[in-house]
Amino acid sequence: MENLSIFSYLSLSFSFGLLSLLTPCVFPLIPITVSYFTKRQESENAKPLFDALLYSIGIILSFSIVGFVIAVLFGASGLNRLAANPYMNLIIALVFILFAFNLFGMFEILVSSSLLTRLSNFQSKNNLLSIWVMSFTFTLTTFTCTMPFIGTVLVSASKGEWFYPILGMLGYSFAFSIPFFLLALFPSAIKKLPRSGNWMVSFKIILGFLELAAALKFISNADLVFGWKILSREFFLVIWASLFIGVALYLFGVFYFSHEKKEEGKSALRIFAAIFFLAISLNFLTATNGRSLGELDAYLPPPSNQMSNTKLQDELVWLDNLELAKTEANKSGKKIFVDFTGYTCTNCRWMEQNIFPEADIKELLSRYILVRLYTDGEDKVHEDNQKYEEDKFGTIALPLYVGMDANEKVLNQFLGMTRDKEEYKKFLKGMLE
């Protein structure tokens, strides 16, 4: 870091922030943000621009201050463990479920009358607090995918370097907040549209179903870390398909919610949307046989008959102990390939589903002694794996792929995910040569 100018480092951190927007964890936050600010802007005293600014500033502060403080107090590994903590994932899932029920009109999230009285003259402060809580929740939900950059800069913070980590987090979080600033403004455009009909209520109900689908991902994270093995890939897809079938049936008018006004006939747009959601649900159901869903596979837990969401499990042997791998490497003369991964790592799942199954990649991997080290579990072995990654490689980012010999001499390493198969193939082949 010290070899970079301040401008270069800030530009690099800003670029990483933009790249992080392409990671799988970010996508569920889009309907969450829209639904949250749609609800806020129903108030006569709504201030869309002010709220959007507070939200984006809250994201920046959450990433820059909260993450930095956690790294200093608990070490960089503490931040990663917070993001993967099963209880935290269950809490986030509960928040999403409550928001969904609120959008369904089952209850209203209200502040007590006594508190409203005390805060009547401090409405702006109340807005600041509520929006900051929302931005903090947003930050926690994206930690899993954003750690490839955050983990690296926070390791330097835990080692006593202050200026660059703060600068890096500010640049990173500013870039990361830009589209969500625009999303927070989006409901203001909806307010200007005609109010006739029941379309706004229907829009919020659809968002409620999407929030339930997002909540299932965080429940799955807890399930994987706890080792319950309840939510397999197949069961997960069935639940997602059921939710989307529910959306389709609702749009077709099969059922209504109590606070809605029933309408005679259905618009062409509503029918088209219903068919669209029905097609998605059928796509999920037909993928329960193991068919790849492409980008969406990053969200899914392992199939019921596998410990890892990768087709390689049936063809290649993955060890879970580096010492055993070193012993095997000494016997065979092979080099070691270490996959630092996590139960809740969506980027890891994407790599396992979209890069590892390629025939030429599998052939290259078969020449190594393969080790898969999980770093985000609750057991001591997972803590040791994470500590080893941090101490030896200076990062806690996932995924991290490392080639080494039997004496742990590092041949090369590959940080994060890539969509370029040839780039990854070159990485594997280069260490063998």
Protein backbone atom coordinates (compact mmCIF):
# COMPACT_ATOMS: atom_id res chain seq x y z
CA MET A 1 0.00 0.00 0.00
CA GLU A 2 2.76 2.43 0.85
CA ASN A 3 4.05 2.12 -2.75
CA LEU A 4 0.84 3.65 -4.09
CA SER A 5 0.08 7.36 -4.20
CA ILE A 6 -2.95 8.54 -2.26
CA PHE A 7 -4.85 9.20 -5.50
CA SER A 8 -3.95 5.77 -6.92
CA TYR A 9 -4.97 3.97 -3.76
CA LEU A 10 -8.24 5.90 -3.53
CA SER A 11 -8.95 5.11 -7.18
CA LEU A 12 -8.22 1.45 -6.55
CA SER A 13 -10.56 1.31 -3.55
CA PHE A 14 -13.28 3.11 -5.53
CA SER A 15 -12.92 0.56 -8.35
CA PHE A 16 -13.23 -2.33 -5.90
CA GLY A 17 -16.40 -0.75 -4.56
CA LEU A 18 -17.91 -0.68 -8.04
CA LEU A 19 -16.83 -4.27 -8.72
CA SER A 20 -18.43 -5.42 -5.46
CA LEU A 21 -21.79 -4.29 -6.81
CA LEU A 22 -21.61 -7.25 -9.22
CA THR A 23 -21.35 -9.81 -6.40
CA PRO A 24 -24.35 -12.03 -5.61
CA CYS A 25 -25.01 -10.70 -2.09
CA VAL A 26 -25.93 -7.26 -3.39
CA PHE A 27 -28.86 -8.21 -5.62
CA PRO A 28 -31.40 -9.07 -2.86
CA LEU A 29 -30.84 -5.61 -1.35
CA ILE A 30 -32.32 -3.91 -4.42
CA PRO A 31 -36.00 -4.80 -3.71
CA ILE A 32 -35.35 -4.32 0.01
CA THR A 33 -34.16 -0.74 -0.54
CA VAL A 34 -36.97 0.11 -2.94
CA SER A 35 -39.66 -1.32 -0.64
CA TYR A 36 -38.25 0.44 2.44
CA PHE A 37 -38.20 3.89 0.82
CA THR A 38 -41.53 3.30 -0.89
CA LYS A 39 -43.02 2.88 2.57
CA ARG A 40 -41.25 5.97 3.92
CA GLN A 41 -42.37 8.20 1.09
CA GLU A 42 -46.05 7.50 1.65
CA SER A 43 -45.81 10.19 4.36
CA GLU A 44 -47.00 13.67 3.44
CA ASN A 45 -43.81 15.10 4.92
CA ALA A 46 -41.51 12.80 2.96
CA LYS A 47 -38.15 14.22 1.89
CA PRO A 48 -36.84 11.84 -0.82
CA LEU A 49 -33.54 13.58 -1.50
CA PHE A 50 -32.76 14.05 2.18
CA ASP A 51 -33.60 10.41 2.97
CA ALA A 52 -31.50 9.16 0.06
CA LEU A 53 -28.53 11.23 1.19
CA LEU A 54 -28.84 9.95 4.76
CA TYR A 55 -29.07 6.37 3.53
CA SER A 56 -25.95 6.59 1.35
CA ILE A 57 -24.04 8.41 4.10
CA GLY A 58 -25.16 5.69 6.52
CA ILE A 59 -23.75 3.01 4.21
CA ILE A 60 -20.45 4.88 3.99
CA LEU A 61 -20.25 5.34 7.76
CA SER A 62 -21.25 1.73 8.43
CA PHE A 63 -18.53 0.34 6.21
CA SER A 64 -15.87 2.87 7.17
CA ILE A 65 -16.40 3.28 10.92
CA VAL A 66 -18.14 0.15 12.18
CA GLY A 67 -16.02 -2.23 10.12
CA PHE A 68 -12.83 -0.43 11.05
CA VAL A 69 -13.63 -0.43 14.78
CA ILE A 70 -14.45 -4.15 14.73
CA ALA A 71 -11.17 -4.87 12.98
CA VAL A 72 -9.20 -2.86 15.53
CA LEU A 73 -10.99 -4.35 18.54
CA PHE A 74 -11.26 -7.96 17.41
CA GLY A 75 -8.83 -8.23 14.51
CA ALA A 76 -9.82 -8.48 10.88
CA SER A 77 -11.11 -12.00 11.44
CA GLY A 78 -13.75 -10.64 13.83
CA LEU A 79 -15.46 -8.79 11.00
CA ASN A 80 -15.61 -11.90 8.85
CA ARG A 81 -16.96 -13.96 11.73
CA LEU A 82 -19.68 -11.39 12.37
CA ALA A 83 -20.84 -11.65 8.76
CA ALA A 84 -20.87 -15.47 8.91
CA ASN A 85 -22.28 -15.74 12.44
CA PRO A 86 -25.39 -17.96 12.25
CA TYR A 87 -27.25 -15.97 14.90
CA MET A 88 -26.60 -12.75 13.00
CA ASN A 89 -27.86 -14.39 9.81
CA LEU A 90 -31.03 -15.51 11.58
CA ILE A 91 -31.59 -11.99 12.94
CA ILE A 92 -31.20 -10.52 9.45
CA ALA A 93 -33.62 -13.13 8.07
CA LEU A 94 -36.14 -12.19 10.78
CA VAL A 95 -35.84 -8.51 9.85
CA PHE A 96 -36.57 -9.35 6.21
CA ILE A 97 -39.55 -11.51 7.19
CA LEU A 98 -40.98 -8.72 9.36
CA PHE A 99 -40.59 -6.26 6.49
CA ALA A 100 -42.39 -8.74 4.20
CA PHE A 101 -45.34 -9.14 6.59
CA ASN A 102 -45.46 -5.36 6.91
CA LEU A 103 -45.71 -5.04 3.13
CA PHE A 104 -48.45 -7.69 3.13
CA GLY A 105 -50.44 -5.34 5.36
CA MET A 106 -50.53 -7.75 8.29
CA PHE A 107 -49.31 -5.09 10.69
CA GLU A 108 -47.84 -1.62 10.74
CA ILE A 109 -44.41 -0.84 12.17
CA LEU A 110 -45.26 2.01 14.52
CA VAL A 111 -43.37 3.92 17.15
CA SER A 112 -45.08 4.09 20.57
CA SER A 113 -47.19 7.19 21.21
CA SER A 114 -45.04 8.26 24.16
CA LEU A 115 -41.90 8.05 22.08
CA LEU A 116 -43.57 9.95 19.24
CA THR A 117 -44.48 12.70 21.70
CA ARG A 118 -40.90 13.01 22.90
CA LEU A 119 -39.59 13.01 19.36
CA SER A 120 -42.22 15.24 17.78
CA ASN A 121 -39.81 18.20 17.71
CA PHE A 122 -36.87 16.07 16.61
CA GLN A 123 -38.28 14.40 13.51
CA SER A 124 -35.07 14.80 11.57
CA LYS A 125 -33.15 12.95 14.25
CA ASN A 126 -35.69 10.15 14.17
CA ASN A 127 -35.24 9.91 10.40
CA LEU A 128 -31.50 9.82 10.83
CA LEU A 129 -31.67 6.99 13.35
CA SER A 130 -34.12 4.81 11.41
CA ILE A 131 -32.32 5.22 8.11
CA TRP A 132 -28.94 4.57 9.72
CA VAL A 133 -30.29 1.31 11.18
CA MET A 134 -31.43 0.35 7.69
CA SER A 135 -28.01 1.19 6.22
CA PHE A 136 -26.26 -0.75 8.99
CA THR A 137 -28.44 -3.80 8.24
CA PHE A 138 -27.54 -3.38 4.57
CA THR A 139 -23.84 -3.36 5.42
CA LEU A 140 -24.04 -6.56 7.47
CA THR A 141 -25.89 -8.44 4.74
CA THR A 142 -23.23 -7.67 2.13
CA PHE A 143 -20.14 -8.49 4.22
CA THR A 144 -19.90 -12.04 2.85
CA CYS A 145 -19.36 -10.89 -0.74
CA THR A 146 -17.47 -7.68 -0.10
CA MET A 147 -14.72 -9.22 2.05
CA PRO A 148 -12.18 -9.69 -0.83
CA PHE A 149 -11.34 -5.99 -0.50
CA ILE A 150 -12.55 -5.15 3.00
CA GLY A 151 -10.69 -8.07 4.57
CA THR A 152 -7.39 -7.02 3.03
CA VAL A 153 -7.48 -3.38 4.13
CA LEU A 154 -8.74 -4.25 7.61
CA VAL A 155 -5.88 -6.69 8.16
CA SER A 156 -3.54 -3.73 7.80
CA ALA A 157 -5.66 -1.84 10.31
CA SER A 158 -5.32 -4.62 12.86
CA LYS A 159 -1.55 -4.47 12.38
CA GLY A 160 -1.38 -0.80 13.31
CA GLU A 161 -1.64 0.93 9.93
CA TRP A 162 -4.43 3.52 10.13
CA PHE A 163 -4.37 6.04 7.28
CA TYR A 164 -4.69 3.74 4.28
CA PRO A 165 -7.43 1.51 5.77
CA ILE A 166 -9.58 4.56 6.56
CA LEU A 167 -8.94 6.06 3.13
CA GLY A 168 -9.60 2.74 1.42
CA MET A 169 -12.86 2.11 3.26
CA LEU A 170 -14.11 5.63 2.45
CA GLY A 171 -13.37 5.22 -1.25
CA TYR A 172 -14.80 1.71 -1.33
CA SER A 173 -18.02 2.50 0.53
CA PHE A 174 -18.63 5.72 -1.42
CA ALA A 175 -18.61 3.81 -4.72
CA PHE A 176 -20.71 1.05 -3.18
CA SER A 177 -23.37 3.53 -1.99
CA ILE A 178 -23.94 5.33 -5.30
CA PRO A 179 -26.57 3.01 -6.88
CA PHE A 180 -28.38 2.66 -3.57
CA PHE A 181 -28.61 6.42 -3.30
CA LEU A 182 -30.41 6.33 -6.65
CA LEU A 183 -32.62 3.43 -5.54
CA ALA A 184 -33.60 5.38 -2.45
CA LEU A 185 -34.74 8.18 -4.76
CA PHE A 186 -36.68 5.77 -6.99
CA PRO A 187 -39.88 5.76 -4.89
CA SER A 188 -40.18 9.51 -5.36
CA ALA A 189 -40.71 8.84 -9.06
CA ILE A 190 -43.42 6.31 -8.17
CA LYS A 191 -45.23 8.99 -6.14
CA LYS A 192 -45.59 11.12 -9.25
CA LEU A 193 -47.35 8.34 -11.14
CA PRO A 194 -51.16 8.17 -11.22
CA ARG A 195 -52.70 6.93 -7.96
CA SER A 196 -55.74 5.30 -9.56
CA GLY A 197 -56.33 1.61 -8.90
CA ASN A 198 -54.64 -0.82 -6.59
CA TRP A 199 -51.26 -0.98 -8.28
CA MET A 200 -49.19 0.43 -5.40
CA VAL A 201 -50.57 -2.15 -2.96
CA SER A 202 -49.85 -4.92 -5.47
CA PHE A 203 -46.32 -3.64 -6.01
CA LYS A 204 -45.59 -3.76 -2.27
CA ILE A 205 -47.06 -7.25 -1.95
CA ILE A 206 -44.80 -8.53 -4.74
CA LEU A 207 -41.83 -6.97 -2.93
CA GLY A 208 -42.96 -8.76 0.22
CA PHE A 209 -42.66 -12.13 -1.54
CA LEU A 210 -39.19 -11.16 -2.80
CA GLU A 211 -38.12 -10.27 0.74
CA LEU A 212 -39.21 -13.71 1.95
CA ALA A 213 -37.09 -15.23 -0.82
CA ALA A 214 -34.11 -13.13 0.32
CA ALA A 215 -34.66 -14.13 3.96
CA LEU A 216 -34.36 -17.79 3.00
CA LYS A 217 -30.76 -17.21 1.90
CA PHE A 218 -29.76 -16.03 5.38
CA ILE A 219 -31.62 -18.91 7.02
CA SER A 220 -29.65 -21.19 4.71
CA ASN A 221 -26.39 -19.57 5.88
CA ALA A 222 -27.24 -20.39 9.50
CA ASP A 223 -28.27 -23.91 8.52
CA LEU A 224 -24.91 -24.53 6.84
CA VAL A 225 -22.79 -23.14 9.67
CA PHE A 226 -24.75 -25.01 12.36
CA GLY A 227 -24.57 -28.19 10.26
CA TRP A 228 -28.30 -28.88 10.47
CA LYS A 229 -28.44 -29.86 6.76
CA ILE A 230 -32.14 -29.05 6.56
CA LEU A 231 -32.08 -26.70 3.60
CA SER A 232 -30.54 -28.68 0.77
CA ARG A 233 -30.35 -27.20 -2.72
CA GLU A 234 -33.45 -29.13 -3.76
CA PHE A 235 -35.54 -28.07 -0.74
CA PHE A 236 -34.35 -24.47 -1.10
CA LEU A 237 -35.45 -24.36 -4.74
CA VAL A 238 -38.83 -25.87 -3.91
CA ILE A 239 -39.45 -23.12 -1.34
CA TRP A 240 -38.32 -20.41 -3.76
CA ALA A 241 -40.54 -21.91 -6.47
CA SER A 242 -43.48 -21.96 -4.04
CA LEU A 243 -42.99 -18.28 -3.23
CA PHE A 244 -42.90 -17.33 -6.91
CA ILE A 245 -45.95 -19.49 -7.63
CA GLY A 246 -47.62 -17.55 -4.81
CA VAL A 247 -46.77 -14.29 -6.60
CA ALA A 248 -48.20 -15.67 -9.86
CA LEU A 249 -51.43 -16.86 -8.22
CA TYR A 250 -51.81 -13.50 -6.50
CA LEU A 251 -51.36 -11.63 -9.78
CA PHE A 252 -53.85 -13.95 -11.49
CA GLY A 253 -56.35 -12.99 -8.77
CA VAL A 254 -56.64 -16.42 -7.14
CA PHE A 255 -56.36 -14.77 -3.71
CA TYR A 256 -56.25 -11.28 -2.22
CA PHE A 257 -55.00 -9.65 0.96
CA SER A 258 -57.50 -8.22 3.41
CA HIS A 259 -56.49 -4.57 2.93
CA GLU A 260 -56.89 -4.69 -0.86
CA LYS A 261 -59.81 -3.63 -3.01
CA LYS A 262 -60.90 -6.39 -5.37
CA GLU A 263 -60.87 -5.36 -9.01
CA GLU A 264 -62.89 -6.69 -11.91
CA GLY A 265 -60.65 -7.99 -14.65
CA LYS A 266 -56.86 -7.98 -14.88
CA SER A 267 -54.62 -5.71 -16.90
CA ALA A 268 -52.35 -7.09 -19.60
CA LEU A 269 -49.31 -6.02 -17.57
CA ARG A 270 -50.54 -7.92 -14.51
CA ILE A 271 -51.17 -11.07 -16.56
CA PHE A 272 -47.75 -10.79 -18.20
CA ALA A 273 -46.09 -10.39 -14.77
CA ALA A 274 -47.96 -13.44 -13.46
CA ILE A 275 -46.76 -15.56 -16.38
CA PHE A 276 -43.22 -14.26 -15.84
CA PHE A 277 -43.17 -15.31 -12.16
CA LEU A 278 -44.74 -18.65 -13.03
CA ALA A 279 -41.99 -19.30 -15.59
CA ILE A 280 -39.34 -18.50 -12.97
CA SER A 281 -40.91 -20.93 -10.50
CA LEU A 282 -40.98 -23.69 -13.13
CA ASN A 283 -37.32 -22.99 -13.86
CA PHE A 284 -36.53 -23.50 -10.18
CA LEU A 285 -38.49 -26.74 -9.99
CA THR A 286 -36.80 -28.23 -13.05
CA ALA A 287 -33.39 -27.37 -11.55
CA THR A 288 -33.95 -29.61 -8.51
CA ASN A 289 -32.39 -32.46 -10.54
CA GLY A 290 -29.02 -30.71 -10.38
CA ARG A 291 -29.26 -28.59 -13.53
CA SER A 292 -27.22 -25.41 -13.23
CA LEU A 293 -28.99 -22.10 -12.79
CA GLY A 294 -25.93 -20.08 -13.79
CA GLU A 295 -25.44 -16.92 -11.76
CA LEU A 296 -28.19 -17.90 -9.35
CA ASP A 297 -26.25 -20.95 -8.16
CA ALA A 298 -24.16 -18.64 -5.98
CA TYR A 299 -27.16 -18.25 -3.66
CA LEU A 300 -27.96 -21.92 -3.31
CA PRO A 301 -26.89 -24.35 -0.59
CA PRO A 302 -25.27 -27.71 -1.45
CA PRO A 303 -27.36 -30.55 -2.90
CA SER A 304 -28.64 -33.03 -0.33
CA ASN A 305 -26.04 -35.66 -1.27
CA GLN A 306 -23.00 -33.36 -1.22
CA MET A 307 -21.03 -31.33 1.30
CA SER A 308 -20.05 -28.80 -1.35
CA ASN A 309 -22.05 -27.18 -4.11
CA THR A 310 -19.77 -28.48 -6.83
CA LYS A 311 -19.90 -31.32 -9.32
CA LEU A 312 -16.27 -32.15 -8.53
CA GLN A 313 -17.28 -33.78 -5.28
CA ASP A 314 -18.05 -37.06 -7.05
CA GLU A 315 -14.85 -37.07 -9.11
CA LEU A 316 -12.05 -35.54 -7.03
CA VAL A 317 -11.00 -36.12 -3.44
CA TRP A 318 -10.87 -33.01 -1.26
CA LEU A 319 -9.06 -33.27 2.05
CA ASP A 320 -9.97 -31.04 5.00
CA ASN A 321 -6.58 -31.12 6.74
CA LEU A 322 -3.45 -29.41 5.46
CA GLU A 323 -1.07 -31.63 7.43
CA LEU A 324 -2.59 -34.71 5.83
CA ALA A 325 -2.25 -33.06 2.43
CA LYS A 326 1.45 -32.38 3.07
CA THR A 327 1.96 -36.03 3.95
CA GLU A 328 0.25 -37.10 0.73
CA ALA A 329 2.27 -34.58 -1.27
CA ASN A 330 5.54 -35.97 0.12
CA LYS A 331 4.50 -39.47 -0.91
CA SER A 332 3.24 -38.62 -4.38
CA GLY A 333 5.46 -35.69 -5.30
CA LYS A 334 2.39 -33.67 -6.23
CA LYS A 335 1.83 -30.04 -5.38
CA ILE A 336 -0.92 -28.89 -3.04
CA PHE A 337 -3.93 -26.82 -4.02
CA VAL A 338 -5.64 -25.10 -1.07
CA ASP A 339 -9.16 -23.74 -1.38
CA PHE A 340 -9.95 -21.31 1.46
CA THR A 341 -13.73 -21.25 1.41
CA GLY A 342 -16.76 -20.66 3.60
CA TYR A 343 -20.19 -22.12 4.22
CA THR A 344 -21.76 -18.68 3.66
CA CYS A 345 -19.44 -17.58 0.83
CA THR A 346 -21.57 -16.91 -2.24
CA ASN A 347 -18.57 -16.12 -4.44
CA CYS A 348 -17.13 -19.52 -3.50
CA ARG A 349 -20.35 -21.25 -4.56
CA TRP A 350 -20.28 -19.38 -7.88
CA MET A 351 -16.74 -20.52 -8.60
CA GLU A 352 -17.55 -24.11 -7.65
CA GLN A 353 -20.57 -24.19 -9.93
CA ASN A 354 -19.36 -22.21 -12.93
CA ILE A 355 -15.55 -22.56 -13.12
CA PHE A 356 -14.58 -25.79 -11.37
CA PRO A 357 -16.88 -28.10 -13.43
CA GLU A 358 -15.18 -27.16 -16.71
CA ALA A 359 -13.40 -30.23 -18.12
CA ASP A 360 -9.99 -28.60 -18.57
CA ILE A 361 -10.14 -27.06 -15.08
CA LYS A 362 -11.03 -30.43 -13.55
CA GLU A 363 -8.14 -32.08 -15.37
CA LEU A 364 -5.68 -29.53 -13.98
CA LEU A 365 -7.05 -29.87 -10.46
CA SER A 366 -6.68 -33.65 -10.63
CA ARG A 367 -2.89 -33.18 -10.73
CA TYR A 368 -2.88 -31.60 -7.26
CA ILE A 369 -3.43 -32.82 -3.73
CA LEU A 370 -6.65 -30.92 -3.03
CA VAL A 371 -7.47 -29.31 0.32
CA ARG A 372 -10.63 -27.39 1.19
CA LEU A 373 -10.39 -25.30 4.37
CA TYR A 374 -13.59 -23.72 5.70
CA THR A 375 -12.97 -20.57 7.71
CA ASP A 376 -16.44 -19.46 8.83
CA GLY A 377 -17.74 -22.36 10.93
CA GLU A 378 -18.37 -22.36 14.68
CA ASP A 379 -15.73 -24.96 15.59
CA LYS A 380 -12.13 -24.28 16.61
CA VAL A 381 -10.84 -25.91 13.45
CA HIS A 382 -12.53 -23.19 11.40
CA GLU A 383 -11.03 -20.47 13.59
CA ASP A 384 -7.62 -22.07 13.11
CA ASN A 385 -8.14 -22.17 9.34
CA GLN A 386 -8.99 -18.48 9.28
CA LYS A 387 -6.06 -17.56 11.50
CA TYR A 388 -3.73 -19.53 9.23
CA GLU A 389 -5.05 -17.70 6.16
CA GLU A 390 -4.65 -14.32 7.86
CA ASP A 391 -1.18 -14.97 9.31
CA LYS A 392 0.33 -16.54 6.20
CA PHE A 393 -1.39 -14.65 3.39
CA GLY A 394 -2.37 -11.35 5.02
CA THR A 395 -6.05 -11.62 4.17
CA ILE A 396 -9.25 -13.28 5.32
CA ALA A 397 -10.92 -12.86 1.93
CA LEU A 398 -12.94 -15.72 0.46
CA PRO A 399 -12.39 -17.44 -1.79
CA LEU A 400 -8.59 -17.62 -1.76
CA TYR A 401 -6.85 -20.26 -3.89
CA VAL A 402 -3.23 -21.13 -3.14
CA GLY A 403 -0.70 -23.49 -4.67
CA MET A 404 2.16 -24.71 -2.49
CA ASP A 405 4.64 -27.54 -2.14
CA ALA A 406 4.89 -30.09 0.67
CA ASN A 407 6.94 -27.62 2.73
CA GLU A 408 4.26 -24.92 2.44
CA LYS A 409 6.32 -22.85 0.04
CA VAL A 410 3.77 -20.72 -1.80
CA LEU A 411 3.89 -21.09 -5.58
CA ASN A 412 1.12 -18.65 -6.41
CA GLN A 413 -2.24 -17.48 -5.14
CA PHE A 414 -5.52 -16.31 -6.63
CA LEU A 415 -7.78 -14.01 -4.62
CA GLY A 416 -11.53 -13.78 -5.19
CA MET A 417 -13.77 -14.96 -8.00
CA THR A 418 -13.26 -14.60 -11.74
CA ARG A 419 -15.55 -14.98 -14.72
CA ASP A 420 -12.57 -15.58 -17.00
CA LYS A 421 -12.02 -19.33 -17.26
CA GLU A 422 -8.80 -18.88 -19.21
CA GLU A 423 -7.36 -16.66 -16.47
CA TYR A 424 -8.02 -19.33 -13.86
CA LYS A 425 -6.72 -22.07 -16.14
CA LYS A 426 -3.49 -20.13 -16.60
CA PHE A 427 -3.18 -19.82 -12.81
CA LEU A 428 -3.49 -23.59 -12.29
CA LYS A 429 -1.26 -24.54 -15.19
CA GLY A 430 1.48 -22.07 -14.24
CA MET A 431 2.03 -23.64 -10.81
CA LEU A 432 2.33 -27.10 -12.33
CA GLU A 433 4.95 -25.97 -14.81
